[in-house]
Amino acid sequence: MRLPLSTALAAVAFGLTACAPAYEDGHLSRSINQQRVVRDTCLSNEAISLDDKTSAPEAVGRAASLACAAQNDRLIQLMATMDRSGEPQITDAVRKEAVVKATSYVINARAQGGVSR
């Protein structure tokens, strides 16, 4: 049995709106984006200041991520507000992302000859 096109479109639209409220909170989205900028600024500053130019970039990235733990935790807290059941996955992903970003800041600074900011 085939559904009429209008019924199928209505079903798809209903399915999309069922998960829309989490993404429609403009204030929360802005807060998350602002906190991400704060966290990334911390990662950049720490990565550059902790880089001794001899350690592995990943080691410096991990150290920078740890130095920015408070900013990272605030980002995790804001993101988990949307989905408390997914907090462990969010925490893991955000912490891994922080190390990757900090490592990329180290690599980029080294490629530019150590020029900071």
N, C-alpha and C. Protein backbone atom coordinates (compact mmCIF):
# COMPACT_ATOMS: atom_id res chain seq x y z
N MET A 1 0.84 -1.18 0.00
CA MET A 1 0.00 0.00 0.00
C MET A 1 0.88 1.24 0.00
N ARG A 2 0.63 2.12 -0.95
CA ARG A 2 1.41 3.35 -1.04
C ARG A 2 0.64 4.49 -0.40
N LEU A 3 1.38 5.32 0.33
CA LEU A 3 0.77 6.49 0.94
C LEU A 3 0.75 7.63 -0.06
N PRO A 4 -0.26 8.45 -0.02
CA PRO A 4 -0.25 9.64 -0.88
C PRO A 4 0.94 10.52 -0.52
N LEU A 5 1.46 11.26 -1.48
CA LEU A 5 2.63 12.10 -1.28
C LEU A 5 2.44 13.06 -0.12
N SER A 6 1.28 13.65 0.01
CA SER A 6 1.04 14.62 1.10
C SER A 6 1.13 13.94 2.46
N THR A 7 0.66 12.71 2.57
CA THR A 7 0.74 11.96 3.82
C THR A 7 2.19 11.63 4.15
N ALA A 8 2.95 11.22 3.14
CA ALA A 8 4.36 10.89 3.35
C ALA A 8 5.13 12.13 3.78
N LEU A 9 4.87 13.27 3.13
CA LEU A 9 5.55 14.51 3.50
C LEU A 9 5.19 14.95 4.91
N ALA A 10 3.94 14.77 5.27
CA ALA A 10 3.51 15.12 6.63
C ALA A 10 4.21 14.25 7.66
N ALA A 11 4.37 12.97 7.36
CA ALA A 11 5.05 12.06 8.28
C ALA A 11 6.51 12.46 8.45
N VAL A 12 7.18 12.81 7.36
CA VAL A 12 8.58 13.25 7.43
C VAL A 12 8.68 14.54 8.23
N ALA A 13 7.80 15.49 7.96
CA ALA A 13 7.81 16.77 8.67
C ALA A 13 7.59 16.55 10.16
N PHE A 14 6.66 15.67 10.51
CA PHE A 14 6.40 15.38 11.92
C PHE A 14 7.64 14.75 12.56
N GLY A 15 8.29 13.85 11.86
CA GLY A 15 9.50 13.21 12.38
C GLY A 15 10.61 14.21 12.64
N LEU A 16 10.75 15.19 11.77
CA LEU A 16 11.78 16.20 11.94
C LEU A 16 11.45 17.15 13.08
N THR A 17 10.20 17.48 13.24
CA THR A 17 9.85 18.42 14.31
C THR A 17 9.91 17.75 15.67
N ALA A 18 9.85 16.44 15.71
CA ALA A 18 9.92 15.75 16.99
C ALA A 18 11.26 15.98 17.67
N CYS A 19 12.32 16.16 16.89
CA CYS A 19 13.63 16.39 17.50
C CYS A 19 14.06 17.85 17.39
N ALA A 20 13.22 18.70 16.89
CA ALA A 20 13.57 20.11 16.67
C ALA A 20 13.77 20.92 17.95
N PRO A 21 13.01 20.71 19.03
CA PRO A 21 13.15 21.60 20.18
C PRO A 21 14.58 21.71 20.71
N ALA A 22 15.36 20.65 20.68
CA ALA A 22 16.73 20.72 21.17
C ALA A 22 17.58 21.68 20.35
N TYR A 23 17.25 21.84 19.09
CA TYR A 23 18.05 22.68 18.22
C TYR A 23 17.46 24.08 18.06
N GLU A 24 16.25 24.28 18.56
CA GLU A 24 15.60 25.57 18.41
C GLU A 24 15.91 26.52 19.55
N ASP A 25 16.59 26.07 20.57
CA ASP A 25 16.92 26.92 21.70
C ASP A 25 18.08 27.83 21.30
N GLY A 26 17.73 28.98 20.78
CA GLY A 26 18.74 29.92 20.27
C GLY A 26 19.70 30.38 21.35
N HIS A 27 19.19 30.65 22.56
CA HIS A 27 20.06 31.11 23.64
C HIS A 27 21.09 30.04 23.99
N LEU A 28 20.65 28.79 24.09
CA LEU A 28 21.57 27.71 24.42
C LEU A 28 22.60 27.52 23.30
N SER A 29 22.15 27.58 22.07
CA SER A 29 23.07 27.44 20.93
C SER A 29 24.12 28.54 20.94
N ARG A 30 23.69 29.77 21.21
CA ARG A 30 24.65 30.89 21.30
C ARG A 30 25.62 30.68 22.44
N SER A 31 25.12 30.20 23.57
CA SER A 31 25.99 29.95 24.74
C SER A 31 27.03 28.88 24.42
N ILE A 32 26.60 27.84 23.73
CA ILE A 32 27.52 26.77 23.34
C ILE A 32 28.58 27.31 22.40
N ASN A 33 28.17 28.09 21.41
CA ASN A 33 29.13 28.65 20.46
C ASN A 33 30.11 29.60 21.15
N GLN A 34 29.62 30.42 22.06
CA GLN A 34 30.49 31.34 22.79
C GLN A 34 31.48 30.57 23.66
N GLN A 35 31.01 29.53 24.32
CA GLN A 35 31.90 28.74 25.17
C GLN A 35 32.93 27.99 24.34
N ARG A 36 32.55 27.56 23.16
CA ARG A 36 33.51 26.90 22.27
C ARG A 36 34.63 27.86 21.89
N VAL A 37 34.30 29.13 21.64
CA VAL A 37 35.31 30.14 21.32
C VAL A 37 36.23 30.35 22.52
N VAL A 38 35.65 30.44 23.72
CA VAL A 38 36.45 30.60 24.94
C VAL A 38 37.40 29.42 25.11
N ARG A 39 36.86 28.22 24.95
CA ARG A 39 37.68 27.02 25.09
C ARG A 39 38.79 26.96 24.03
N ASP A 40 38.45 27.27 22.78
CA ASP A 40 39.44 27.22 21.70
C ASP A 40 40.53 28.28 21.88
N THR A 41 40.16 29.44 22.40
CA THR A 41 41.15 30.48 22.69
C THR A 41 42.11 30.00 23.77
N CYS A 42 41.57 29.38 24.80
CA CYS A 42 42.41 28.81 25.85
C CYS A 42 43.34 27.75 25.28
N LEU A 43 42.80 26.86 24.46
CA LEU A 43 43.63 25.80 23.86
C LEU A 43 44.77 26.39 23.03
N SER A 44 44.46 27.40 22.24
CA SER A 44 45.48 28.03 21.40
C SER A 44 46.57 28.67 22.25
N ASN A 45 46.14 29.44 23.25
CA ASN A 45 47.12 30.11 24.12
C ASN A 45 47.99 29.11 24.87
N GLU A 46 47.37 28.09 25.43
CA GLU A 46 48.12 27.09 26.19
C GLU A 46 49.02 26.26 25.29
N ALA A 47 48.55 25.89 24.13
CA ALA A 47 49.36 25.08 23.21
C ALA A 47 50.63 25.83 22.83
N ILE A 48 50.48 27.11 22.55
CA ILE A 48 51.65 27.90 22.15
C ILE A 48 52.58 28.12 23.34
N SER A 49 52.02 28.41 24.51
CA SER A 49 52.89 28.68 25.66
C SER A 49 53.55 27.42 26.22
N LEU A 50 52.90 26.27 26.08
CA LEU A 50 53.48 25.03 26.60
C LEU A 50 54.44 24.35 25.62
N ASP A 51 54.44 24.78 24.38
CA ASP A 51 55.26 24.11 23.37
C ASP A 51 56.74 24.42 23.57
N ASP A 52 57.51 23.38 23.84
CA ASP A 52 58.96 23.53 24.00
C ASP A 52 59.70 23.26 22.69
N LYS A 53 58.97 23.04 21.63
CA LYS A 53 59.47 22.80 20.27
C LYS A 53 60.20 21.46 20.12
N THR A 54 60.29 20.66 21.18
CA THR A 54 60.95 19.36 21.07
C THR A 54 60.01 18.20 21.41
N SER A 55 59.01 18.46 22.23
CA SER A 55 58.05 17.42 22.60
C SER A 55 57.16 17.09 21.41
N ALA A 56 56.61 15.90 21.43
CA ALA A 56 55.66 15.51 20.38
C ALA A 56 54.46 16.46 20.42
N PRO A 57 53.98 16.89 19.26
CA PRO A 57 52.82 17.80 19.25
C PRO A 57 51.61 17.25 20.01
N GLU A 58 51.41 15.94 19.95
CA GLU A 58 50.27 15.33 20.65
C GLU A 58 50.42 15.47 22.16
N ALA A 59 51.66 15.36 22.67
CA ALA A 59 51.89 15.51 24.11
C ALA A 59 51.60 16.94 24.56
N VAL A 60 52.01 17.90 23.75
CA VAL A 60 51.73 19.30 24.07
C VAL A 60 50.22 19.55 23.97
N GLY A 61 49.58 18.95 22.97
CA GLY A 61 48.13 19.09 22.82
C GLY A 61 47.38 18.54 24.02
N ARG A 62 47.81 17.39 24.53
CA ARG A 62 47.16 16.82 25.72
C ARG A 62 47.36 17.72 26.92
N ALA A 63 48.57 18.26 27.09
CA ALA A 63 48.85 19.16 28.21
C ALA A 63 48.00 20.43 28.12
N ALA A 64 47.89 20.97 26.92
CA ALA A 64 47.07 22.17 26.73
C ALA A 64 45.61 21.87 27.03
N SER A 65 45.13 20.72 26.60
CA SER A 65 43.75 20.33 26.87
C SER A 65 43.50 20.22 28.37
N LEU A 66 44.44 19.65 29.09
CA LEU A 66 44.30 19.55 30.55
C LEU A 66 44.31 20.93 31.20
N ALA A 67 45.13 21.84 30.68
CA ALA A 67 45.20 23.19 31.23
C ALA A 67 43.89 23.95 31.02
N CYS A 68 43.12 23.54 30.02
CA CYS A 68 41.84 24.20 29.71
C CYS A 68 40.65 23.35 30.15
N ALA A 69 40.86 22.51 31.15
CA ALA A 69 39.81 21.59 31.60
C ALA A 69 38.55 22.32 32.05
N ALA A 70 38.69 23.45 32.72
CA ALA A 70 37.51 24.18 33.21
C ALA A 70 36.66 24.68 32.05
N GLN A 71 37.31 25.21 31.01
CA GLN A 71 36.59 25.70 29.84
C GLN A 71 35.94 24.54 29.08
N ASN A 72 36.66 23.44 29.01
CA ASN A 72 36.14 22.25 28.34
C ASN A 72 34.93 21.69 29.09
N ASP A 73 35.03 21.64 30.42
CA ASP A 73 33.94 21.11 31.23
C ASP A 73 32.69 21.99 31.11
N ARG A 74 32.88 23.29 31.02
CA ARG A 74 31.73 24.19 30.84
C ARG A 74 31.04 23.93 29.49
N LEU A 75 31.86 23.70 28.46
CA LEU A 75 31.30 23.38 27.14
C LEU A 75 30.52 22.07 27.19
N ILE A 76 31.08 21.08 27.84
CA ILE A 76 30.40 19.78 27.99
C ILE A 76 29.08 19.96 28.73
N GLN A 77 29.10 20.74 29.80
CA GLN A 77 27.89 20.98 30.59
C GLN A 77 26.80 21.62 29.74
N LEU A 78 27.17 22.62 28.94
CA LEU A 78 26.19 23.28 28.09
C LEU A 78 25.65 22.33 27.03
N MET A 79 26.53 21.56 26.40
CA MET A 79 26.09 20.64 25.36
C MET A 79 25.21 19.53 25.93
N ALA A 80 25.52 19.07 27.12
CA ALA A 80 24.76 17.99 27.73
C ALA A 80 23.38 18.47 28.20
N THR A 81 23.19 19.77 28.29
CA THR A 81 21.88 20.31 28.66
C THR A 81 20.83 19.87 27.66
N MET A 82 21.24 19.71 26.40
CA MET A 82 20.31 19.28 25.36
C MET A 82 19.95 17.81 25.49
N ASP A 83 20.88 17.01 26.00
CA ASP A 83 20.66 15.56 26.02
C ASP A 83 21.44 14.94 27.18
N ARG A 84 20.84 14.90 28.36
CA ARG A 84 21.52 14.35 29.54
C ARG A 84 21.87 12.87 29.35
N SER A 85 21.07 12.14 28.61
CA SER A 85 21.35 10.72 28.43
C SER A 85 22.61 10.50 27.60
N GLY A 86 22.98 11.47 26.80
CA GLY A 86 24.17 11.34 25.97
C GLY A 86 25.40 11.98 26.56
N GLU A 87 25.35 12.36 27.83
CA GLU A 87 26.47 13.08 28.44
C GLU A 87 27.80 12.31 28.38
N PRO A 88 27.84 11.01 28.63
CA PRO A 88 29.13 10.31 28.53
C PRO A 88 29.74 10.39 27.13
N GLN A 89 28.91 10.26 26.10
CA GLN A 89 29.42 10.35 24.73
C GLN A 89 29.86 11.77 24.39
N ILE A 90 29.09 12.75 24.85
CA ILE A 90 29.44 14.15 24.63
C ILE A 90 30.77 14.46 25.31
N THR A 91 30.92 14.03 26.54
CA THR A 91 32.15 14.26 27.30
C THR A 91 33.34 13.68 26.58
N ASP A 92 33.23 12.45 26.15
CA ASP A 92 34.32 11.79 25.45
C ASP A 92 34.68 12.50 24.15
N ALA A 93 33.67 12.85 23.39
CA ALA A 93 33.90 13.50 22.10
C ALA A 93 34.51 14.89 22.26
N VAL A 94 34.02 15.66 23.20
CA VAL A 94 34.53 17.03 23.40
C VAL A 94 35.97 16.99 23.92
N ARG A 95 36.27 16.08 24.80
CA ARG A 95 37.65 15.98 25.32
C ARG A 95 38.62 15.54 24.23
N LYS A 96 38.21 14.59 23.39
CA LYS A 96 39.06 14.18 22.27
C LYS A 96 39.25 15.32 21.29
N GLU A 97 38.17 16.05 21.01
CA GLU A 97 38.24 17.18 20.09
C GLU A 97 39.20 18.24 20.62
N ALA A 98 39.21 18.47 21.93
CA ALA A 98 40.09 19.47 22.52
C ALA A 98 41.56 19.10 22.30
N VAL A 99 41.89 17.84 22.48
CA VAL A 99 43.27 17.40 22.26
C VAL A 99 43.65 17.56 20.79
N VAL A 100 42.76 17.18 19.90
CA VAL A 100 43.04 17.30 18.46
C VAL A 100 43.24 18.77 18.08
N LYS A 101 42.37 19.66 18.58
CA LYS A 101 42.50 21.08 18.26
C LYS A 101 43.80 21.65 18.81
N ALA A 102 44.10 21.35 20.06
CA ALA A 102 45.32 21.86 20.67
C ALA A 102 46.55 21.34 19.91
N THR A 103 46.53 20.09 19.52
CA THR A 103 47.63 19.53 18.74
C THR A 103 47.78 20.25 17.41
N SER A 104 46.65 20.57 16.77
CA SER A 104 46.72 21.28 15.49
C SER A 104 47.29 22.69 15.68
N TYR A 105 46.99 23.32 16.82
CA TYR A 105 47.57 24.64 17.08
C TYR A 105 49.09 24.55 17.22
N VAL A 106 49.57 23.49 17.87
CA VAL A 106 51.01 23.29 18.00
C VAL A 106 51.65 23.09 16.63
N ILE A 107 51.06 22.21 15.85
CA ILE A 107 51.60 21.91 14.52
C ILE A 107 51.61 23.16 13.64
N ASN A 108 50.53 23.93 13.67
CA ASN A 108 50.46 25.15 12.86
C ASN A 108 51.47 26.19 13.32
N ALA A 109 51.63 26.34 14.63
CA ALA A 109 52.61 27.31 15.14
C ALA A 109 54.02 26.90 14.75
N ARG A 110 54.31 25.62 14.81
CA ARG A 110 55.64 25.15 14.41
C ARG A 110 55.87 25.36 12.91
N ALA A 111 54.83 25.14 12.13
CA ALA A 111 54.95 25.31 10.67
C ALA A 111 55.19 26.77 10.31
N GLN A 112 54.67 27.68 11.13
CA GLN A 112 54.85 29.10 10.89
C GLN A 112 56.12 29.62 11.53
N GLY A 113 56.97 28.73 11.96
CA GLY A 113 58.24 29.13 12.56
C GLY A 113 58.14 29.57 14.00
N GLY A 114 57.08 29.10 14.68
CA GLY A 114 56.95 29.41 16.09
C GLY A 114 56.35 30.77 16.36
N VAL A 115 55.84 31.42 15.32
CA VAL A 115 55.20 32.71 15.52
C VAL A 115 53.96 32.51 16.34
N SER A 116 53.85 33.22 17.44
CA SER A 116 52.67 33.03 18.28
C SER A 116 51.64 34.12 18.02
N ARG A 117 50.39 33.68 18.13
CA ARG A 117 49.20 34.53 17.99
C ARG A 117 49.39 35.49 16.89
